[in-house]
Amino acid sequence: MLDQNKLKEVIDRALVEDVADGDITTLWTVREGAQAHAEMIARAPGVVAGLDVARAVFEAVDSGITLEARVQDGDPVVE
């Protein structure tokens, strides 16, 4: 089970390190309020892991981001 307080602390520190005041390229090339849709597609066999962490990161960045997982942690991934 994830310690939610510790997870939030790690995510916050990572975002400060990686994003800080924003990514300069994004600030210059993506209009404010732009929306996007993305799909994560595996290119090699594996096992799904980290969906709870992904959700927590998205929530920390923008509470309006949604994650629709079609798999669960522990599911096998095939090509």
PDB file of N, CA and C in Angstrom:
ATOM      1  N   MET A   1       0.843  -1.183   0.000  1.00  0.00           N
ATOM      2  CA  MET A   1       0.000   0.000   0.000  1.00  0.00           C
ATOM      3  C   MET A   1       0.887   1.244   0.000  1.00  0.00           C
ATOM      4  N   LEU A   2       0.535   2.203  -0.832  1.00  0.00           N
ATOM      5  CA  LEU A   2       1.305   3.431  -0.927  1.00  0.00           C
ATOM      6  C   LEU A   2       0.992   4.377   0.225  1.00  0.00           C
ATOM      7  N   ASP A   3       2.028   4.941   0.803  1.00  0.00           N
ATOM      8  CA  ASP A   3       1.866   5.994   1.800  1.00  0.00           C
ATOM      9  C   ASP A   3       1.564   7.273   1.020  1.00  0.00           C
ATOM     10  N   GLN A   4       0.331   7.733   1.053  1.00  0.00           N
ATOM     11  CA  GLN A   4      -0.110   8.862   0.244  1.00  0.00           C
ATOM     12  C   GLN A   4       0.653  10.148   0.549  1.00  0.00           C
ATOM     13  N   ASN A   5       0.988  10.368   1.813  1.00  0.00           N
ATOM     14  CA  ASN A   5       1.733  11.578   2.169  1.00  0.00           C
ATOM     15  C   ASN A   5       3.137  11.540   1.579  1.00  0.00           C
ATOM     16  N   LYS A   6       3.785  10.397   1.654  1.00  0.00           N
ATOM     17  CA  LYS A   6       5.128  10.244   1.110  1.00  0.00           C
ATOM     18  C   LYS A   6       5.092  10.353  -0.414  1.00  0.00           C
ATOM     19  N   LEU A   7       4.084   9.733  -1.026  1.00  0.00           N
ATOM     20  CA  LEU A   7       3.937   9.805  -2.478  1.00  0.00           C
ATOM     21  C   LEU A   7       3.765  11.252  -2.914  1.00  0.00           C
ATOM     22  N   LYS A   8       2.906  12.014  -2.242  1.00  0.00           N
ATOM     23  CA  LYS A   8       2.695  13.418  -2.589  1.00  0.00           C
ATOM     24  C   LYS A   8       3.992  14.202  -2.456  1.00  0.00           C
ATOM     25  N   GLU A   9       4.757  13.934  -1.400  1.00  0.00           N
ATOM     26  CA  GLU A   9       6.030  14.632  -1.194  1.00  0.00           C
ATOM     27  C   GLU A   9       7.002  14.347  -2.341  1.00  0.00           C
ATOM     28  N   VAL A  10       7.107  13.100  -2.742  1.00  0.00           N
ATOM     29  CA  VAL A  10       8.014  12.726  -3.831  1.00  0.00           C
ATOM     30  C   VAL A  10       7.566  13.362  -5.147  1.00  0.00           C
ATOM     31  N   ILE A  11       6.266  13.318  -5.428  1.00  0.00           N
ATOM     32  CA  ILE A  11       5.734  13.911  -6.655  1.00  0.00           C
ATOM     33  C   ILE A  11       5.980  15.420  -6.666  1.00  0.00           C
ATOM     34  N   ASP A  12       5.690  16.088  -5.570  1.00  0.00           N
ATOM     35  CA  ASP A  12       5.896  17.534  -5.491  1.00  0.00           C
ATOM     36  C   ASP A  12       7.357  17.892  -5.734  1.00  0.00           C
ATOM     37  N   ARG A  13       8.274  17.148  -5.132  1.00  0.00           N
ATOM     38  CA  ARG A  13       9.702  17.424  -5.320  1.00  0.00           C
ATOM     39  C   ARG A  13      10.124  17.176  -6.760  1.00  0.00           C
ATOM     40  N   ALA A  14       9.620  16.111  -7.366  1.00  0.00           N
ATOM     41  CA  ALA A  14       9.968  15.805  -8.756  1.00  0.00           C
ATOM     42  C   ALA A  14       9.439  16.885  -9.696  1.00  0.00           C
ATOM     43  N   LEU A  15       8.226  17.347  -9.456  1.00  0.00           N
ATOM     44  CA  LEU A  15       7.656  18.383 -10.323  1.00  0.00           C
ATOM     45  C   LEU A  15       8.412  19.700 -10.189  1.00  0.00           C
ATOM     46  N   VAL A  16       8.832  20.040  -8.992  1.00  0.00           N
ATOM     47  CA  VAL A  16       9.621  21.259  -8.811  1.00  0.00           C
ATOM     48  C   VAL A  16      10.932  21.134  -9.582  1.00  0.00           C
ATOM     49  N   GLU A  17      11.554  19.978  -9.516  1.00  0.00           N
ATOM     50  CA  GLU A  17      12.819  19.759 -10.220  1.00  0.00           C
ATOM     51  C   GLU A  17      12.629  19.767 -11.729  1.00  0.00           C
ATOM     52  N   ASP A  18      11.580  19.107 -12.216  1.00  0.00           N
ATOM     53  CA  ASP A  18      11.392  18.941 -13.655  1.00  0.00           C
ATOM     54  C   ASP A  18      10.654  20.094 -14.322  1.00  0.00           C
ATOM     55  N   VAL A  19       9.713  20.697 -13.616  1.00  0.00           N
ATOM     56  CA  VAL A  19       8.860  21.703 -14.233  1.00  0.00           C
ATOM     57  C   VAL A  19       9.176  23.101 -13.722  1.00  0.00           C
ATOM     58  N   ALA A  20       9.363  23.231 -12.443  1.00  0.00           N
ATOM     59  CA  ALA A  20       9.629  24.529 -11.791  1.00  0.00           C
ATOM     60  C   ALA A  20       8.662  25.595 -12.290  1.00  0.00           C
ATOM     61  N   ASP A  21       9.177  26.586 -13.025  1.00  0.00           N
ATOM     62  CA  ASP A  21       8.331  27.678 -13.518  1.00  0.00           C
ATOM     63  C   ASP A  21       7.731  27.380 -14.882  1.00  0.00           C
ATOM     64  N   GLY A  22       7.877  26.171 -15.351  1.00  0.00           N
ATOM     65  CA  GLY A  22       7.322  25.789 -16.647  1.00  0.00           C
ATOM     66  C   GLY A  22       8.421  25.436 -17.633  1.00  0.00           C
ATOM     67  N   ASP A  23       8.048  24.650 -18.601  1.00  0.00           N
ATOM     68  CA  ASP A  23       8.966  24.261 -19.655  1.00  0.00           C
ATOM     69  C   ASP A  23       8.967  25.354 -20.714  1.00  0.00           C
ATOM     70  N   ILE A  24      10.123  25.932 -21.009  1.00  0.00           N
ATOM     71  CA  ILE A  24      10.209  27.081 -21.900  1.00  0.00           C
ATOM     72  C   ILE A  24       9.653  26.763 -23.294  1.00  0.00           C
ATOM     73  N   THR A  25       9.925  25.571 -23.807  1.00  0.00           N
ATOM     74  CA  THR A  25       9.423  25.201 -25.133  1.00  0.00           C
ATOM     75  C   THR A  25       7.899  25.154 -25.122  1.00  0.00           C
ATOM     76  N   THR A  26       7.335  24.536 -24.099  1.00  0.00           N
ATOM     77  CA  THR A  26       5.880  24.456 -23.992  1.00  0.00           C
ATOM     78  C   THR A  26       5.271  25.841 -23.851  1.00  0.00           C
ATOM     79  N   LEU A  27       5.884  26.677 -23.027  1.00  0.00           N
ATOM     80  CA  LEU A  27       5.360  28.028 -22.830  1.00  0.00           C
ATOM     81  C   LEU A  27       5.314  28.817 -24.138  1.00  0.00           C
ATOM     82  N   TRP A  28       6.261  28.577 -25.037  1.00  0.00           N
ATOM     83  CA  TRP A  28       6.331  29.316 -26.298  1.00  0.00           C
ATOM     84  C   TRP A  28       5.527  28.673 -27.427  1.00  0.00           C
ATOM     85  N   THR A  29       5.222  27.388 -27.322  1.00  0.00           N
ATOM     86  CA  THR A  29       4.608  26.713 -28.472  1.00  0.00           C
ATOM     87  C   THR A  29       3.186  26.206 -28.248  1.00  0.00           C
ATOM     88  N   VAL A  30       2.732  26.134 -27.013  1.00  0.00           N
ATOM     89  CA  VAL A  30       1.395  25.608 -26.730  1.00  0.00           C
ATOM     90  C   VAL A  30       0.552  26.731 -26.128  1.00  0.00           C
ATOM     91  N   ARG A  31      -0.570  27.006 -26.781  1.00  0.00           N
ATOM     92  CA  ARG A  31      -1.410  28.103 -26.289  1.00  0.00           C
ATOM     93  C   ARG A  31      -2.007  27.750 -24.931  1.00  0.00           C
ATOM     94  N   GLU A  32      -2.199  28.754 -24.117  1.00  0.00           N
ATOM     95  CA  GLU A  32      -2.797  28.560 -22.796  1.00  0.00           C
ATOM     96  C   GLU A  32      -4.206  27.992 -22.959  1.00  0.00           C
ATOM     97  N   GLY A  33      -4.545  27.026 -22.151  1.00  0.00           N
ATOM     98  CA  GLY A  33      -5.863  26.413 -22.196  1.00  0.00           C
ATOM     99  C   GLY A  33      -5.991  25.284 -23.207  1.00  0.00           C
ATOM    100  N   ALA A  34      -4.916  24.995 -23.932  1.00  0.00           N
ATOM    101  CA  ALA A  34      -4.971  23.917 -24.925  1.00  0.00           C
ATOM    102  C   ALA A  34      -5.265  22.587 -24.232  1.00  0.00           C
ATOM    103  N   GLN A  35      -5.999  21.728 -24.917  1.00  0.00           N
ATOM    104  CA  GLN A  35      -6.317  20.411 -24.390  1.00  0.00           C
ATOM    105  C   GLN A  35      -5.732  19.352 -25.313  1.00  0.00           C
ATOM    106  N   ALA A  36      -5.437  18.196 -24.753  1.00  0.00           N
ATOM    107  CA  ALA A  36      -4.864  17.118 -25.546  1.00  0.00           C
ATOM    108  C   ALA A  36      -5.436  15.782 -25.099  1.00  0.00           C
ATOM    109  N   HIS A  37      -5.263  14.802 -25.934  1.00  0.00           N
ATOM    110  CA  HIS A  37      -5.658  13.423 -25.651  1.00  0.00           C
ATOM    111  C   HIS A  37      -4.420  12.576 -25.937  1.00  0.00           C
ATOM    112  N   ALA A  38      -4.150  11.620 -25.087  1.00  0.00           N
ATOM    113  CA  ALA A  38      -2.975  10.779 -25.295  1.00  0.00           C
ATOM    114  C   ALA A  38      -3.314   9.324 -25.008  1.00  0.00           C
ATOM    115  N   GLU A  39      -2.602   8.450 -25.665  1.00  0.00           N
ATOM    116  CA  GLU A  39      -2.700   7.018 -25.400  1.00  0.00           C
ATOM    117  C   GLU A  39      -1.301   6.506 -25.122  1.00  0.00           C
ATOM    118  N   MET A  40      -1.184   5.669 -24.117  1.00  0.00           N
ATOM    119  CA  MET A  40       0.092   5.022 -23.819  1.00  0.00           C
ATOM    120  C   MET A  40       0.029   3.618 -24.402  1.00  0.00           C
ATOM    121  N   ILE A  41       0.940   3.334 -25.305  1.00  0.00           N
ATOM    122  CA  ILE A  41       0.939   2.055 -25.995  1.00  0.00           C
ATOM    123  C   ILE A  41       2.286   1.384 -25.771  1.00  0.00           C
ATOM    124  N   ALA A  42       2.250   0.159 -25.278  1.00  0.00           N
ATOM    125  CA  ALA A  42       3.485  -0.587 -25.020  1.00  0.00           C
ATOM    126  C   ALA A  42       4.100  -1.032 -26.339  1.00  0.00           C
ATOM    127  N   ARG A  43       5.421  -0.922 -26.418  1.00  0.00           N
ATOM    128  CA  ARG A  43       6.139  -1.382 -27.603  1.00  0.00           C
ATOM    129  C   ARG A  43       6.871  -2.693 -27.351  1.00  0.00           C
ATOM    130  N   ALA A  44       6.721  -3.203 -26.140  1.00  0.00           N
ATOM    131  CA  ALA A  44       7.383  -4.462 -25.797  1.00  0.00           C
ATOM    132  C   ALA A  44       6.556  -5.151 -24.711  1.00  0.00           C
ATOM    133  N   PRO A  45       6.673  -6.465 -24.602  1.00  0.00           N
ATOM    134  CA  PRO A  45       5.948  -7.178 -23.551  1.00  0.00           C
ATOM    135  C   PRO A  45       6.386  -6.704 -22.163  1.00  0.00           C
ATOM    136  N   GLY A  46       5.483  -6.802 -21.201  1.00  0.00           N
ATOM    137  CA  GLY A  46       5.812  -6.403 -19.839  1.00  0.00           C
ATOM    138  C   GLY A  46       4.628  -6.605 -18.919  1.00  0.00           C
ATOM    139  N   VAL A  47       4.641  -5.888 -17.824  1.00  0.00           N
ATOM    140  CA  VAL A  47       3.577  -5.951 -16.826  1.00  0.00           C
ATOM    141  C   VAL A  47       3.203  -4.518 -16.462  1.00  0.00           C
ATOM    142  N   VAL A  48       1.921  -4.232 -16.417  1.00  0.00           N
ATOM    143  CA  VAL A  48       1.432  -2.893 -16.050  1.00  0.00           C
ATOM    144  C   VAL A  48       1.772  -2.629 -14.584  1.00  0.00           C
ATOM    145  N   ALA A  49       2.319  -1.460 -14.321  1.00  0.00           N
ATOM    146  CA  ALA A  49       2.652  -1.080 -12.941  1.00  0.00           C
ATOM    147  C   ALA A  49       2.638   0.434 -12.814  1.00  0.00           C
ATOM    148  N   GLY A  50       2.161   0.936 -11.703  1.00  0.00           N
ATOM    149  CA  GLY A  50       2.257   2.354 -11.404  1.00  0.00           C
ATOM    150  C   GLY A  50       1.056   3.205 -11.761  1.00  0.00           C
ATOM    151  N   LEU A  51      -0.091   2.608 -11.973  1.00  0.00           N
ATOM    152  CA  LEU A  51      -1.266   3.413 -12.328  1.00  0.00           C
ATOM    153  C   LEU A  51      -1.658   4.374 -11.207  1.00  0.00           C
ATOM    154  N   ASP A  52      -1.553   3.947  -9.963  1.00  0.00           N
ATOM    155  CA  ASP A  52      -1.878   4.835  -8.841  1.00  0.00           C
ATOM    156  C   ASP A  52      -0.929   6.030  -8.802  1.00  0.00           C
ATOM    157  N   VAL A  53       0.333   5.793  -9.106  1.00  0.00           N
ATOM    158  CA  VAL A  53       1.316   6.874  -9.122  1.00  0.00           C
ATOM    159  C   VAL A  53       1.015   7.817 -10.280  1.00  0.00           C
ATOM    160  N   ALA A  54       0.698   7.269 -11.444  1.00  0.00           N
ATOM    161  CA  ALA A  54       0.352   8.101 -12.597  1.00  0.00           C
ATOM    162  C   ALA A  54      -0.847   8.992 -12.276  1.00  0.00           C
ATOM    163  N   ARG A  55      -1.877   8.424 -11.672  1.00  0.00           N
ATOM    164  CA  ARG A  55      -3.055   9.213 -11.292  1.00  0.00           C
ATOM    165  C   ARG A  55      -2.672  10.341 -10.331  1.00  0.00           C
ATOM    166  N   ALA A  56      -1.831  10.027  -9.364  1.00  0.00           N
ATOM    167  CA  ALA A  56      -1.422  11.027  -8.377  1.00  0.00           C
ATOM    168  C   ALA A  56      -0.618  12.150  -9.029  1.00  0.00           C
ATOM    169  N   VAL A  57       0.230  11.823  -9.996  1.00  0.00           N
ATOM    170  CA  VAL A  57       1.001  12.847 -10.699  1.00  0.00           C
ATOM    171  C   VAL A  57       0.066  13.735 -11.508  1.00  0.00           C
ATOM    172  N   PHE A  58      -0.858  13.142 -12.254  1.00  0.00           N
ATOM    173  CA  PHE A  58      -1.806  13.932 -13.038  1.00  0.00           C
ATOM    174  C   PHE A  58      -2.620  14.850 -12.135  1.00  0.00           C
ATOM    175  N   GLU A  59      -3.055  14.347 -11.003  1.00  0.00           N
ATOM    176  CA  GLU A  59      -3.832  15.149 -10.050  1.00  0.00           C
ATOM    177  C   GLU A  59      -2.996  16.324  -9.533  1.00  0.00           C
ATOM    178  N   ALA A  60      -1.724  16.077  -9.274  1.00  0.00           N
ATOM    179  CA  ALA A  60      -0.855  17.138  -8.768  1.00  0.00           C
ATOM    180  C   ALA A  60      -0.627  18.219  -9.822  1.00  0.00           C
ATOM    181  N   VAL A  61      -0.552  17.828 -11.084  1.00  0.00           N
ATOM    182  CA  VAL A  61      -0.312  18.781 -12.165  1.00  0.00           C
ATOM    183  C   VAL A  61      -1.569  19.576 -12.484  1.00  0.00           C
ATOM    184  N   ASP A  62      -2.710  18.867 -12.585  1.00  0.00           N
ATOM    185  CA  ASP A  62      -3.964  19.520 -12.964  1.00  0.00           C
ATOM    186  C   ASP A  62      -5.113  18.582 -12.599  1.00  0.00           C
ATOM    187  N   SER A  63      -5.939  19.005 -11.680  1.00  0.00           N
ATOM    188  CA  SER A  63      -7.034  18.138 -11.220  1.00  0.00           C
ATOM    189  C   SER A  63      -8.058  17.854 -12.319  1.00  0.00           C
ATOM    190  N   GLY A  64      -7.973  18.577 -13.430  1.00  0.00           N
ATOM    191  CA  GLY A  64      -8.879  18.338 -14.541  1.00  0.00           C
ATOM    192  C   GLY A  64      -8.422  17.215 -15.468  1.00  0.00           C
ATOM    193  N   ILE A  65      -7.213  16.715 -15.252  1.00  0.00           N
ATOM    194  CA  ILE A  65      -6.705  15.617 -16.074  1.00  0.00           C
ATOM    195  C   ILE A  65      -7.368  14.323 -15.620  1.00  0.00           C
ATOM    196  N   THR A  66      -7.815  13.535 -16.568  1.00  0.00           N
ATOM    197  CA  THR A  66      -8.399  12.239 -16.235  1.00  0.00           C
ATOM    198  C   THR A  66      -7.559  11.126 -16.837  1.00  0.00           C
ATOM    199  N   LEU A  67      -7.532  10.008 -16.168  1.00  0.00           N
ATOM    200  CA  LEU A  67      -6.823   8.826 -16.630  1.00  0.00           C
ATOM    201  C   LEU A  67      -7.844   7.708 -16.751  1.00  0.00           C
ATOM    202  N   GLU A  68      -8.061   7.247 -17.948  1.00  0.00           N
ATOM    203  CA  GLU A  68      -8.968   6.133 -18.191  1.00  0.00           C
ATOM    204  C   GLU A  68      -8.110   4.909 -18.494  1.00  0.00           C
ATOM    205  N   ALA A  69      -7.897   4.098 -17.480  1.00  0.00           N
ATOM    206  CA  ALA A  69      -7.068   2.907 -17.648  1.00  0.00           C
ATOM    207  C   ALA A  69      -7.916   1.750 -18.160  1.00  0.00           C
ATOM    208  N   ARG A  70      -7.427   1.116 -19.183  1.00  0.00           N
ATOM    209  CA  ARG A  70      -8.119  -0.051 -19.740  1.00  0.00           C
ATOM    210  C   ARG A  70      -7.487  -1.339 -19.237  1.00  0.00           C
ATOM    211  N   VAL A  71      -6.541  -1.180 -18.337  1.00  0.00           N
ATOM    212  CA  VAL A  71      -5.848  -2.304 -17.720  1.00  0.00           C
ATOM    213  C   VAL A  71      -5.724  -2.032 -16.235  1.00  0.00           C
ATOM    214  N   GLN A  72      -5.205  -3.000 -15.505  1.00  0.00           N
ATOM    215  CA  GLN A  72      -4.966  -2.837 -14.070  1.00  0.00           C
ATOM    216  C   GLN A  72      -3.516  -3.187 -13.773  1.00  0.00           C
ATOM    217  N   ASP A  73      -2.991  -2.635 -12.669  1.00  0.00           N
ATOM    218  CA  ASP A  73      -1.650  -3.028 -12.257  1.00  0.00           C
ATOM    219  C   ASP A  73      -1.581  -4.555 -12.171  1.00  0.00           C
ATOM    220  N   GLY A  74      -0.518  -5.092 -12.700  1.00  0.00           N
ATOM    221  CA  GLY A  74      -0.320  -6.530 -12.659  1.00  0.00           C
ATOM    222  C   GLY A  74      -0.754  -7.241 -13.944  1.00  0.00           C
ATOM    223  N   ASP A  75      -1.509  -6.539 -14.785  1.00  0.00           N
ATOM    224  CA  ASP A  75      -1.924  -7.142 -16.061  1.00  0.00           C
ATOM    225  C   ASP A  75      -0.714  -7.328 -16.970  1.00  0.00           C
ATOM    226  N   PRO A  76      -0.670  -8.426 -17.683  1.00  0.00           N
ATOM    227  CA  PRO A  76       0.415  -8.607 -18.651  1.00  0.00           C
ATOM    228  C   PRO A  76       0.210  -7.703 -19.871  1.00  0.00           C
ATOM    229  N   VAL A  77       1.302  -7.278 -20.451  1.00  0.00           N
ATOM    230  CA  VAL A  77       1.270  -6.462 -21.662  1.00  0.00           C
ATOM    231  C   VAL A  77       1.884  -7.295 -22.776  1.00  0.00           C
ATOM    232  N   VAL A  78       1.173  -7.368 -23.881  1.00  0.00           N
ATOM    233  CA  VAL A  78       1.699  -8.085 -25.043  1.00  0.00           C
ATOM    234  C   VAL A  78       1.787  -7.117 -26.201  1.00  0.00           C
ATOM    235  N   GLU A  79       2.634  -7.424 -27.140  1.00  0.00           N
ATOM    236  CA  GLU A  79       2.787  -6.559 -28.323  1.00  0.00           C
ATOM    237  C   GLU A  79       1.590  -6.688 -29.227  1.00  0.00           C
TER     238      GLU A  79
END
